[in-house]
Amino acid sequence: MITGQLPPINGGYIWNGRGLSLLLTMIEYLVYMRESKNIEINYGKIVRLMELKNIRKLLISNIPANYQEQLRNYLNKLPNGNEESAHEFIVSRFIKINEINGL
């Protein structure tokens, strides 16, 4: 459902794949939190969780190892010294969904 609402890709296929992987990791983590802690899931929460500072906070928190590993892999693939810009480029497509749909 979400991927069908993404704007078209204009190059950057590798970054798009990494972004989709991050998005799926965040959704899986939030589903886990909904099942274990009864939290509500909405798209705004997903987008906020995908902020680089929040990804880093998750890594040092007490989350299941499989999510930590996936997030660590994502961060390790960002270019050194340019992590923030690369991350913003990657997640910008998902934020556009949020803006288009008024979520």
PDB file of N, CA and C in Angstrom:
ATOM      1  N   MET A   1       0.816  -1.182   0.000  1.00  0.00           N
ATOM      2  CA  MET A   1       0.000   0.000   0.000  1.00  0.00           C
ATOM      3  C   MET A   1       0.869   1.258   0.000  1.00  0.00           C
ATOM      4  N   ILE A   2       1.866   1.304   0.838  1.00  0.00           N
ATOM      5  CA  ILE A   2       2.729   2.481   0.923  1.00  0.00           C
ATOM      6  C   ILE A   2       3.576   2.608  -0.329  1.00  0.00           C
ATOM      7  N   THR A   3       4.162   1.502  -0.788  1.00  0.00           N
ATOM      8  CA  THR A   3       5.041   1.590  -1.950  1.00  0.00           C
ATOM      9  C   THR A   3       4.291   2.038  -3.193  1.00  0.00           C
ATOM     10  N   GLY A   4       3.005   1.756  -3.285  1.00  0.00           N
ATOM     11  CA  GLY A   4       2.212   2.198  -4.423  1.00  0.00           C
ATOM     12  C   GLY A   4       1.995   3.698  -4.440  1.00  0.00           C
ATOM     13  N   GLN A   5       2.206   4.369  -3.319  1.00  0.00           N
ATOM     14  CA  GLN A   5       2.016   5.815  -3.228  1.00  0.00           C
ATOM     15  C   GLN A   5       3.323   6.588  -3.364  1.00  0.00           C
ATOM     16  N   LEU A   6       4.439   5.872  -3.509  1.00  0.00           N
ATOM     17  CA  LEU A   6       5.725   6.549  -3.615  1.00  0.00           C
ATOM     18  C   LEU A   6       5.838   7.305  -4.929  1.00  0.00           C
ATOM     19  N   PRO A   7       6.475   8.488  -4.898  1.00  0.00           N
ATOM     20  CA  PRO A   7       6.734   9.200  -6.143  1.00  0.00           C
ATOM     21  C   PRO A   7       7.671   8.372  -7.021  1.00  0.00           C
ATOM     22  N   PRO A   8       7.684   8.613  -8.332  1.00  0.00           N
ATOM     23  CA  PRO A   8       8.566   7.849  -9.222  1.00  0.00           C
ATOM     24  C   PRO A   8      10.036   8.027  -8.846  1.00  0.00           C
ATOM     25  N   ILE A   9      10.807   6.999  -9.145  1.00  0.00           N
ATOM     26  CA  ILE A   9      12.245   7.040  -8.883  1.00  0.00           C
ATOM     27  C   ILE A   9      12.927   7.683 -10.082  1.00  0.00           C
ATOM     28  N   ASN A  10      13.754   8.675  -9.823  1.00  0.00           N
ATOM     29  CA  ASN A  10      14.555   9.303 -10.875  1.00  0.00           C
ATOM     30  C   ASN A  10      16.014   8.994 -10.596  1.00  0.00           C
ATOM     31  N   GLY A  11      16.422   7.754 -10.843  1.00  0.00           N
ATOM     32  CA  GLY A  11      17.767   7.324 -10.503  1.00  0.00           C
ATOM     33  C   GLY A  11      17.840   6.974  -9.026  1.00  0.00           C
ATOM     34  N   GLY A  12      19.033   6.690  -8.549  1.00  0.00           N
ATOM     35  CA  GLY A  12      19.214   6.391  -7.133  1.00  0.00           C
ATOM     36  C   GLY A  12      18.549   5.107  -6.686  1.00  0.00           C
ATOM     37  N   TYR A  13      18.594   4.091  -7.543  1.00  0.00           N
ATOM     38  CA  TYR A  13      17.908   2.837  -7.229  1.00  0.00           C
ATOM     39  C   TYR A  13      18.479   2.148  -5.995  1.00  0.00           C
ATOM     40  N   ILE A  14      19.785   2.236  -5.804  1.00  0.00           N
ATOM     41  CA  ILE A  14      20.403   1.621  -4.621  1.00  0.00           C
ATOM     42  C   ILE A  14      19.879   2.302  -3.363  1.00  0.00           C
ATOM     43  N   TRP A  15      19.833   3.638  -3.381  1.00  0.00           N
ATOM     44  CA  TRP A  15      19.342   4.375  -2.218  1.00  0.00           C
ATOM     45  C   TRP A  15      17.874   4.076  -1.980  1.00  0.00           C
ATOM     46  N   ASN A  16      17.113   3.935  -3.056  1.00  0.00           N
ATOM     47  CA  ASN A  16      15.699   3.599  -2.912  1.00  0.00           C
ATOM     48  C   ASN A  16      15.537   2.253  -2.217  1.00  0.00           C
ATOM     49  N   GLY A  17      16.340   1.275  -2.610  1.00  0.00           N
ATOM     50  CA  GLY A  17      16.282  -0.043  -1.978  1.00  0.00           C
ATOM     51  C   GLY A  17      16.616   0.027  -0.499  1.00  0.00           C
ATOM     52  N   ARG A  18      17.605   0.822  -0.163  1.00  0.00           N
ATOM     53  CA  ARG A  18      17.971   0.978   1.253  1.00  0.00           C
ATOM     54  C   ARG A  18      16.856   1.671   2.026  1.00  0.00           C
ATOM     55  N   GLY A  19      16.232   2.637   1.383  1.00  0.00           N
ATOM     56  CA  GLY A  19      15.118   3.330   2.024  1.00  0.00           C
ATOM     57  C   GLY A  19      13.933   2.413   2.261  1.00  0.00           C
ATOM     58  N   LEU A  20      13.611   1.587   1.278  1.00  0.00           N
ATOM     59  CA  LEU A  20      12.508   0.639   1.450  1.00  0.00           C
ATOM     60  C   LEU A  20      12.818  -0.359   2.552  1.00  0.00           C
ATOM     61  N   SER A  21      14.070  -0.792   2.604  1.00  0.00           N
ATOM     62  CA  SER A  21      14.481  -1.714   3.663  1.00  0.00           C
ATOM     63  C   SER A  21      14.323  -1.058   5.036  1.00  0.00           C
ATOM     64  N   LEU A  22      14.737   0.202   5.142  1.00  0.00           N
ATOM     65  CA  LEU A  22      14.578   0.937   6.398  1.00  0.00           C
ATOM     66  C   LEU A  22      13.101   1.080   6.747  1.00  0.00           C
ATOM     67  N   LEU A  23      12.289   1.435   5.772  1.00  0.00           N
ATOM     68  CA  LEU A  23      10.854   1.591   5.999  1.00  0.00           C
ATOM     69  C   LEU A  23      10.238   0.295   6.514  1.00  0.00           C
ATOM     70  N   LEU A  24      10.580  -0.817   5.893  1.00  0.00           N
ATOM     71  CA  LEU A  24      10.034  -2.106   6.328  1.00  0.00           C
ATOM     72  C   LEU A  24      10.512  -2.472   7.726  1.00  0.00           C
ATOM     73  N   THR A  25      11.770  -2.171   8.031  1.00  0.00           N
ATOM     74  CA  THR A  25      12.283  -2.420   9.378  1.00  0.00           C
ATOM     75  C   THR A  25      11.492  -1.616  10.407  1.00  0.00           C
ATOM     76  N   MET A  26      11.239  -0.351  10.107  1.00  0.00           N
ATOM     77  CA  MET A  26      10.489   0.494  11.039  1.00  0.00           C
ATOM     78  C   MET A  26       9.060  -0.004  11.217  1.00  0.00           C
ATOM     79  N   ILE A  27       8.436  -0.421  10.133  1.00  0.00           N
ATOM     80  CA  ILE A  27       7.072  -0.944  10.230  1.00  0.00           C
ATOM     81  C   ILE A  27       7.064  -2.222  11.059  1.00  0.00           C
ATOM     82  N   GLU A  28       8.013  -3.127  10.794  1.00  0.00           N
ATOM     83  CA  GLU A  28       8.090  -4.369  11.570  1.00  0.00           C
ATOM     84  C   GLU A  28       8.313  -4.068  13.051  1.00  0.00           C
ATOM     85  N   TYR A  29       9.197  -3.109  13.341  1.00  0.00           N
ATOM     86  CA  TYR A  29       9.461  -2.744  14.733  1.00  0.00           C
ATOM     87  C   TYR A  29       8.201  -2.182  15.393  1.00  0.00           C
ATOM     88  N   LEU A  30       7.490  -1.310  14.698  1.00  0.00           N
ATOM     89  CA  LEU A  30       6.273  -0.736  15.274  1.00  0.00           C
ATOM     90  C   LEU A  30       5.184  -1.785  15.462  1.00  0.00           C
ATOM     91  N   VAL A  31       5.105  -2.748  14.567  1.00  0.00           N
ATOM     92  CA  VAL A  31       4.144  -3.846  14.756  1.00  0.00           C
ATOM     93  C   VAL A  31       4.525  -4.639  16.001  1.00  0.00           C
ATOM     94  N   TYR A  32       5.820  -4.894  16.159  1.00  0.00           N
ATOM     95  CA  TYR A  32       6.297  -5.566  17.372  1.00  0.00           C
ATOM     96  C   TYR A  32       5.892  -4.767  18.617  1.00  0.00           C
ATOM     97  N   MET A  33       6.087  -3.447  18.572  1.00  0.00           N
ATOM     98  CA  MET A  33       5.734  -2.597  19.714  1.00  0.00           C
ATOM     99  C   MET A  33       4.224  -2.583  19.945  1.00  0.00           C
ATOM    100  N   ARG A  34       3.453  -2.614  18.880  1.00  0.00           N
ATOM    101  CA  ARG A  34       1.999  -2.651  19.034  1.00  0.00           C
ATOM    102  C   ARG A  34       1.575  -3.935  19.729  1.00  0.00           C
ATOM    103  N   GLU A  35       2.195  -5.048  19.326  1.00  0.00           N
ATOM    104  CA  GLU A  35       1.837  -6.342  19.907  1.00  0.00           C
ATOM    105  C   GLU A  35       2.331  -6.488  21.342  1.00  0.00           C
ATOM    106  N   SER A  36       3.506  -5.947  21.644  1.00  0.00           N
ATOM    107  CA  SER A  36       4.070  -6.140  22.982  1.00  0.00           C
ATOM    108  C   SER A  36       3.738  -5.009  23.955  1.00  0.00           C
ATOM    109  N   LYS A  37       3.579  -3.784  23.461  1.00  0.00           N
ATOM    110  CA  LYS A  37       3.351  -2.629  24.342  1.00  0.00           C
ATOM    111  C   LYS A  37       2.046  -1.905  24.046  1.00  0.00           C
ATOM    112  N   ASN A  38       1.290  -2.421  23.088  1.00  0.00           N
ATOM    113  CA  ASN A  38      -0.024  -1.870  22.749  1.00  0.00           C
ATOM    114  C   ASN A  38       0.033  -0.404  22.296  1.00  0.00           C
ATOM    115  N   ILE A  39       1.088  -0.046  21.522  1.00  0.00           N
ATOM    116  CA  ILE A  39       1.164   1.321  21.009  1.00  0.00           C
ATOM    117  C   ILE A  39       0.395   1.425  19.697  1.00  0.00           C
ATOM    118  N   GLU A  40      -0.063   2.614  19.402  1.00  0.00           N
ATOM    119  CA  GLU A  40      -0.783   2.869  18.159  1.00  0.00           C
ATOM    120  C   GLU A  40       0.224   3.134  17.037  1.00  0.00           C
ATOM    121  N   ILE A  41      -0.077   2.643  15.854  1.00  0.00           N
ATOM    122  CA  ILE A  41       0.781   2.871  14.693  1.00  0.00           C
ATOM    123  C   ILE A  41       0.058   3.813  13.744  1.00  0.00           C
ATOM    124  N   ASN A  42       0.789   4.844  13.293  1.00  0.00           N
ATOM    125  CA  ASN A  42       0.284   5.695  12.214  1.00  0.00           C
ATOM    126  C   ASN A  42       1.472   6.112  11.358  1.00  0.00           C
ATOM    127  N   TYR A  43       1.182   6.630  10.181  1.00  0.00           N
ATOM    128  CA  TYR A  43       2.274   6.932   9.260  1.00  0.00           C
ATOM    129  C   TYR A  43       3.184   8.032   9.796  1.00  0.00           C
ATOM    130  N   GLY A  44       2.624   9.002  10.485  1.00  0.00           N
ATOM    131  CA  GLY A  44       3.446  10.054  11.073  1.00  0.00           C
ATOM    132  C   GLY A  44       4.466   9.503  12.052  1.00  0.00           C
ATOM    133  N   LYS A  45       4.076   8.495  12.811  1.00  0.00           N
ATOM    134  CA  LYS A  45       4.989   7.865  13.766  1.00  0.00           C
ATOM    135  C   LYS A  45       6.124   7.155  13.019  1.00  0.00           C
ATOM    136  N   ILE A  46       5.795   6.525  11.900  1.00  0.00           N
ATOM    137  CA  ILE A  46       6.820   5.856  11.093  1.00  0.00           C
ATOM    138  C   ILE A  46       7.822   6.882  10.587  1.00  0.00           C
ATOM    139  N   VAL A  47       7.326   7.985  10.039  1.00  0.00           N
ATOM    140  CA  VAL A  47       8.207   9.026   9.497  1.00  0.00           C
ATOM    141  C   VAL A  47       9.095   9.601  10.594  1.00  0.00           C
ATOM    142  N   ARG A  48       8.529   9.890  11.758  1.00  0.00           N
ATOM    143  CA  ARG A  48       9.335  10.423  12.872  1.00  0.00           C
ATOM    144  C   ARG A  48      10.400   9.427  13.318  1.00  0.00           C
ATOM    145  N   LEU A  49      10.042   8.166  13.366  1.00  0.00           N
ATOM    146  CA  LEU A  49      10.985   7.137  13.788  1.00  0.00           C
ATOM    147  C   LEU A  49      12.142   7.009  12.797  1.00  0.00           C
ATOM    148  N   MET A  50      11.895   7.377  11.540  1.00  0.00           N
ATOM    149  CA  MET A  50      12.925   7.277  10.513  1.00  0.00           C
ATOM    150  C   MET A  50      13.902   8.449  10.524  1.00  0.00           C
ATOM    151  N   GLU A  51      13.712   9.417  11.416  1.00  0.00           N
ATOM    152  CA  GLU A  51      14.691  10.497  11.535  1.00  0.00           C
ATOM    153  C   GLU A  51      16.000   9.888  12.028  1.00  0.00           C
ATOM    154  N   LEU A  52      17.098  10.380  11.492  1.00  0.00           N
ATOM    155  CA  LEU A  52      18.405   9.804  11.803  1.00  0.00           C
ATOM    156  C   LEU A  52      18.681   9.797  13.303  1.00  0.00           C
ATOM    157  N   LYS A  53      18.337  10.866  13.996  1.00  0.00           N
ATOM    158  CA  LYS A  53      18.578  10.914  15.451  1.00  0.00           C
ATOM    159  C   LYS A  53      17.775   9.829  16.165  1.00  0.00           C
ATOM    160  N   ASN A  54      16.573   9.538  15.679  1.00  0.00           N
ATOM    161  CA  ASN A  54      15.746   8.510  16.314  1.00  0.00           C
ATOM    162  C   ASN A  54      16.238   7.105  15.992  1.00  0.00           C
ATOM    163  N   ILE A  55      16.789   6.919  14.809  1.00  0.00           N
ATOM    164  CA  ILE A  55      17.399   5.625  14.478  1.00  0.00           C
ATOM    165  C   ILE A  55      18.565   5.370  15.429  1.00  0.00           C
ATOM    166  N   ARG A  56      19.379   6.394  15.637  1.00  0.00           N
ATOM    167  CA  ARG A  56      20.528   6.246  16.546  1.00  0.00           C
ATOM    168  C   ARG A  56      20.079   5.982  17.981  1.00  0.00           C
ATOM    169  N   LYS A  57      18.996   6.619  18.399  1.00  0.00           N
ATOM    170  CA  LYS A  57      18.461   6.362  19.747  1.00  0.00           C
ATOM    171  C   LYS A  57      17.971   4.924  19.871  1.00  0.00           C
ATOM    172  N   LEU A  58      17.317   4.428  18.826  1.00  0.00           N
ATOM    173  CA  LEU A  58      16.845   3.041  18.855  1.00  0.00           C
ATOM    174  C   LEU A  58      18.005   2.065  19.016  1.00  0.00           C
ATOM    175  N   LEU A  59      19.126   2.368  18.353  1.00  0.00           N
ATOM    176  CA  LEU A  59      20.275   1.464  18.416  1.00  0.00           C
ATOM    177  C   LEU A  59      20.827   1.300  19.822  1.00  0.00           C
ATOM    178  N   ILE A  60      20.708   2.331  20.636  1.00  0.00           N
ATOM    179  CA  ILE A  60      21.249   2.220  21.995  1.00  0.00           C
ATOM    180  C   ILE A  60      20.168   1.877  23.012  1.00  0.00           C
ATOM    181  N   SER A  61      18.952   1.679  22.527  1.00  0.00           N
ATOM    182  CA  SER A  61      17.868   1.297  23.432  1.00  0.00           C
ATOM    183  C   SER A  61      17.753  -0.223  23.486  1.00  0.00           C
ATOM    184  N   ASN A  62      16.835  -0.672  24.264  1.00  0.00           N
ATOM    185  CA  ASN A  62      16.646  -2.107  24.467  1.00  0.00           C
ATOM    186  C   ASN A  62      15.608  -2.650  23.483  1.00  0.00           C
ATOM    187  N   ILE A  63      16.008  -2.749  22.201  1.00  0.00           N
ATOM    188  CA  ILE A  63      15.113  -3.319  21.195  1.00  0.00           C
ATOM    189  C   ILE A  63      15.654  -4.688  20.803  1.00  0.00           C
ATOM    190  N   PRO A  64      14.814  -5.536  20.256  1.00  0.00           N
ATOM    191  CA  PRO A  64      15.279  -6.865  19.852  1.00  0.00           C
ATOM    192  C   PRO A  64      16.471  -6.793  18.889  1.00  0.00           C
ATOM    193  N   ALA A  65      17.351  -7.758  19.017  1.00  0.00           N
ATOM    194  CA  ALA A  65      18.607  -7.776  18.266  1.00  0.00           C
ATOM    195  C   ALA A  65      18.409  -7.730  16.758  1.00  0.00           C
ATOM    196  N   ASN A  66      17.364  -8.368  16.246  1.00  0.00           N
ATOM    197  CA  ASN A  66      17.186  -8.366  14.794  1.00  0.00           C
ATOM    198  C   ASN A  66      16.929  -6.953  14.267  1.00  0.00           C
ATOM    199  N   TYR A  67      16.213  -6.122  15.020  1.00  0.00           N
ATOM    200  CA  TYR A  67      15.982  -4.740  14.587  1.00  0.00           C
ATOM    201  C   TYR A  67      17.253  -3.913  14.726  1.00  0.00           C
ATOM    202  N   GLN A  68      17.991  -4.143  15.808  1.00  0.00           N
ATOM    203  CA  GLN A  68      19.267  -3.442  15.974  1.00  0.00           C
ATOM    204  C   GLN A  68      20.202  -3.755  14.816  1.00  0.00           C
ATOM    205  N   GLU A  69      20.271  -5.018  14.444  1.00  0.00           N
ATOM    206  CA  GLU A  69      21.157  -5.421  13.350  1.00  0.00           C
ATOM    207  C   GLU A  69      20.750  -4.759  12.035  1.00  0.00           C
ATOM    208  N   GLN A  70      19.469  -4.747  11.735  1.00  0.00           N
ATOM    209  CA  GLN A  70      19.000  -4.132  10.493  1.00  0.00           C
ATOM    210  C   GLN A  70      19.280  -2.631  10.476  1.00  0.00           C
ATOM    211  N   LEU A  71      19.063  -1.966  11.600  1.00  0.00           N
ATOM    212  CA  LEU A  71      19.327  -0.529  11.673  1.00  0.00           C
ATOM    213  C   LEU A  71      20.819  -0.239  11.599  1.00  0.00           C
ATOM    214  N   ARG A  72      21.622  -1.055  12.253  1.00  0.00           N
ATOM    215  CA  ARG A  72      23.076  -0.884  12.198  1.00  0.00           C
ATOM    216  C   ARG A  72      23.576  -1.072  10.766  1.00  0.00           C
ATOM    217  N   ASN A  73      23.052  -2.074  10.068  1.00  0.00           N
ATOM    218  CA  ASN A  73      23.435  -2.287   8.671  1.00  0.00           C
ATOM    219  C   ASN A  73      23.090  -1.074   7.821  1.00  0.00           C
ATOM    220  N   TYR A  74      21.909  -0.507   8.053  1.00  0.00           N
ATOM    221  CA  TYR A  74      21.508   0.685   7.302  1.00  0.00           C
ATOM    222  C   TYR A  74      22.498   1.823   7.556  1.00  0.00           C
ATOM    223  N   LEU A  75      22.780   2.103   8.821  1.00  0.00           N
ATOM    224  CA  LEU A  75      23.684   3.208   9.151  1.00  0.00           C
ATOM    225  C   LEU A  75      25.082   2.972   8.606  1.00  0.00           C
ATOM    226  N   ASN A  76      25.552   1.736   8.639  1.00  0.00           N
ATOM    227  CA  ASN A  76      26.890   1.427   8.138  1.00  0.00           C
ATOM    228  C   ASN A  76      27.015   1.623   6.636  1.00  0.00           C
ATOM    229  N   LYS A  77      25.903   1.595   5.921  1.00  0.00           N
ATOM    230  CA  LYS A  77      25.932   1.779   4.464  1.00  0.00           C
ATOM    231  C   LYS A  77      25.840   3.243   4.048  1.00  0.00           C
ATOM    232  N   LEU A  78      25.594   4.131   5.002  1.00  0.00           N
ATOM    233  CA  LEU A  78      25.588   5.558   4.685  1.00  0.00           C
ATOM    234  C   LEU A  78      27.028   6.026   4.505  1.00  0.00           C
ATOM    235  N   PRO A  79      27.273   6.958   3.574  1.00  0.00           N
ATOM    236  CA  PRO A  79      28.649   7.415   3.344  1.00  0.00           C
ATOM    237  C   PRO A  79      29.193   8.189   4.545  1.00  0.00           C
ATOM    238  N   ASN A  80      30.415   7.841   4.957  1.00  0.00           N
ATOM    239  CA  ASN A  80      31.055   8.510   6.095  1.00  0.00           C
ATOM    240  C   ASN A  80      31.201   9.999   5.828  1.00  0.00           C
ATOM    241  N   GLY A  81      30.863  10.794   6.819  1.00  0.00           N
ATOM    242  CA  GLY A  81      30.984  12.233   6.704  1.00  0.00           C
ATOM    243  C   GLY A  81      29.816  12.895   5.990  1.00  0.00           C
ATOM    244  N   ASN A  82      28.942  12.096   5.414  1.00  0.00           N
ATOM    245  CA  ASN A  82      27.810  12.641   4.665  1.00  0.00           C
ATOM    246  C   ASN A  82      26.530  11.903   5.030  1.00  0.00           C
ATOM    247  N   GLU A  83      26.502  11.359   6.235  1.00  0.00           N
ATOM    248  CA  GLU A  83      25.382  10.519   6.654  1.00  0.00           C
ATOM    249  C   GLU A  83      24.055  11.262   6.623  1.00  0.00           C
ATOM    250  N   GLU A  84      24.048  12.476   7.158  1.00  0.00           N
ATOM    251  CA  GLU A  84      22.800  13.241   7.266  1.00  0.00           C
ATOM    252  C   GLU A  84      22.207  13.536   5.890  1.00  0.00           C
ATOM    253  N   SER A  85      23.030  14.017   4.970  1.00  0.00           N
ATOM    254  CA  SER A  85      22.532  14.337   3.622  1.00  0.00           C
ATOM    255  C   SER A  85      22.037  13.099   2.901  1.00  0.00           C
ATOM    256  N   ALA A  86      22.795  12.024   2.993  1.00  0.00           N
ATOM    257  CA  ALA A  86      22.389  10.783   2.321  1.00  0.00           C
ATOM    258  C   ALA A  86      21.086  10.259   2.915  1.00  0.00           C
ATOM    259  N   HIS A  87      20.983  10.295   4.230  1.00  0.00           N
ATOM    260  CA  HIS A  87      19.767   9.809   4.882  1.00  0.00           C
ATOM    261  C   HIS A  87      18.564  10.664   4.487  1.00  0.00           C
ATOM    262  N   GLU A  88      18.727  11.975   4.466  1.00  0.00           N
ATOM    263  CA  GLU A  88      17.627  12.860   4.074  1.00  0.00           C
ATOM    264  C   GLU A  88      17.180  12.567   2.650  1.00  0.00           C
ATOM    265  N   PHE A  89      18.137  12.306   1.762  1.00  0.00           N
ATOM    266  CA  PHE A  89      17.798  11.956   0.383  1.00  0.00           C
ATOM    267  C   PHE A  89      16.990  10.658   0.348  1.00  0.00           C
ATOM    268  N   ILE A  90      17.423   9.685   1.122  1.00  0.00           N
ATOM    269  CA  ILE A  90      16.771   8.372   1.137  1.00  0.00           C
ATOM    270  C   ILE A  90      15.335   8.472   1.643  1.00  0.00           C
ATOM    271  N   VAL A  91      15.125   9.164   2.735  1.00  0.00           N
ATOM    272  CA  VAL A  91      13.785   9.194   3.338  1.00  0.00           C
ATOM    273  C   VAL A  91      12.876  10.263   2.742  1.00  0.00           C
ATOM    274  N   SER A  92      13.414  11.130   1.897  1.00  0.00           N
ATOM    275  CA  SER A  92      12.589  12.210   1.343  1.00  0.00           C
ATOM    276  C   SER A  92      11.389  11.680   0.571  1.00  0.00           C
ATOM    277  N   ARG A  93      11.517  10.550  -0.080  1.00  0.00           N
ATOM    278  CA  ARG A  93      10.386   9.975  -0.824  1.00  0.00           C
ATOM    279  C   ARG A  93       9.258   9.577   0.115  1.00  0.00           C
ATOM    280  N   PHE A  94       9.588   9.120   1.299  1.00  0.00           N
ATOM    281  CA  PHE A  94       8.563   8.694   2.244  1.00  0.00           C
ATOM    282  C   PHE A  94       7.883   9.896   2.888  1.00  0.00           C
ATOM    283  N   ILE A  95       8.632  10.968   3.086  1.00  0.00           N
ATOM    284  CA  ILE A  95       8.051  12.185   3.646  1.00  0.00           C
ATOM    285  C   ILE A  95       7.082  12.796   2.644  1.00  0.00           C
ATOM    286  N   LYS A  96       7.389  12.659   1.348  1.00  0.00           N
ATOM    287  CA  LYS A  96       6.487  13.181   0.317  1.00  0.00           C
ATOM    288  C   LYS A  96       5.133  12.493   0.378  1.00  0.00           C
ATOM    289  N   ILE A  97       5.108  11.204   0.689  1.00  0.00           N
ATOM    290  CA  ILE A  97       3.828  10.505   0.848  1.00  0.00           C
ATOM    291  C   ILE A  97       3.044  11.174   1.965  1.00  0.00           C
ATOM    292  N   ASN A  98       3.721  11.457   3.048  1.00  0.00           N
ATOM    293  CA  ASN A  98       3.107  12.091   4.209  1.00  0.00           C
ATOM    294  C   ASN A  98       2.506  13.442   3.822  1.00  0.00           C
ATOM    295  N   GLU A  99       3.242  14.238   3.034  1.00  0.00           N
ATOM    296  CA  GLU A  99       2.775  15.561   2.637  1.00  0.00           C
ATOM    297  C   GLU A  99       1.644  15.482   1.619  1.00  0.00           C
ATOM    298  N   ILE A 100       1.752  14.579   0.657  1.00  0.00           N
ATOM    299  CA  ILE A 100       0.740  14.438  -0.388  1.00  0.00           C
ATOM    300  C   ILE A 100      -0.605  14.056   0.213  1.00  0.00           C
ATOM    301  N   ASN A 101      -0.583  13.145   1.146  1.00  0.00           N
ATOM    302  CA  ASN A 101      -1.821  12.626   1.717  1.00  0.00           C
ATOM    303  C   ASN A 101      -2.278  13.368   2.964  1.00  0.00           C
ATOM    304  N   GLY A 102      -1.527  14.383   3.370  1.00  0.00           N
ATOM    305  CA  GLY A 102      -1.914  15.156   4.547  1.00  0.00           C
ATOM    306  C   GLY A 102      -1.898  14.348   5.823  1.00  0.00           C
ATOM    307  N   LEU A 103      -0.978  13.389   5.913  1.00  0.00           N
ATOM    308  CA  LEU A 103      -0.902  12.530   7.100  1.00  0.00           C
ATOM    309  C   LEU A 103      -0.119  13.198   8.204  1.00  0.00           C
TER     310      LEU A 103
END
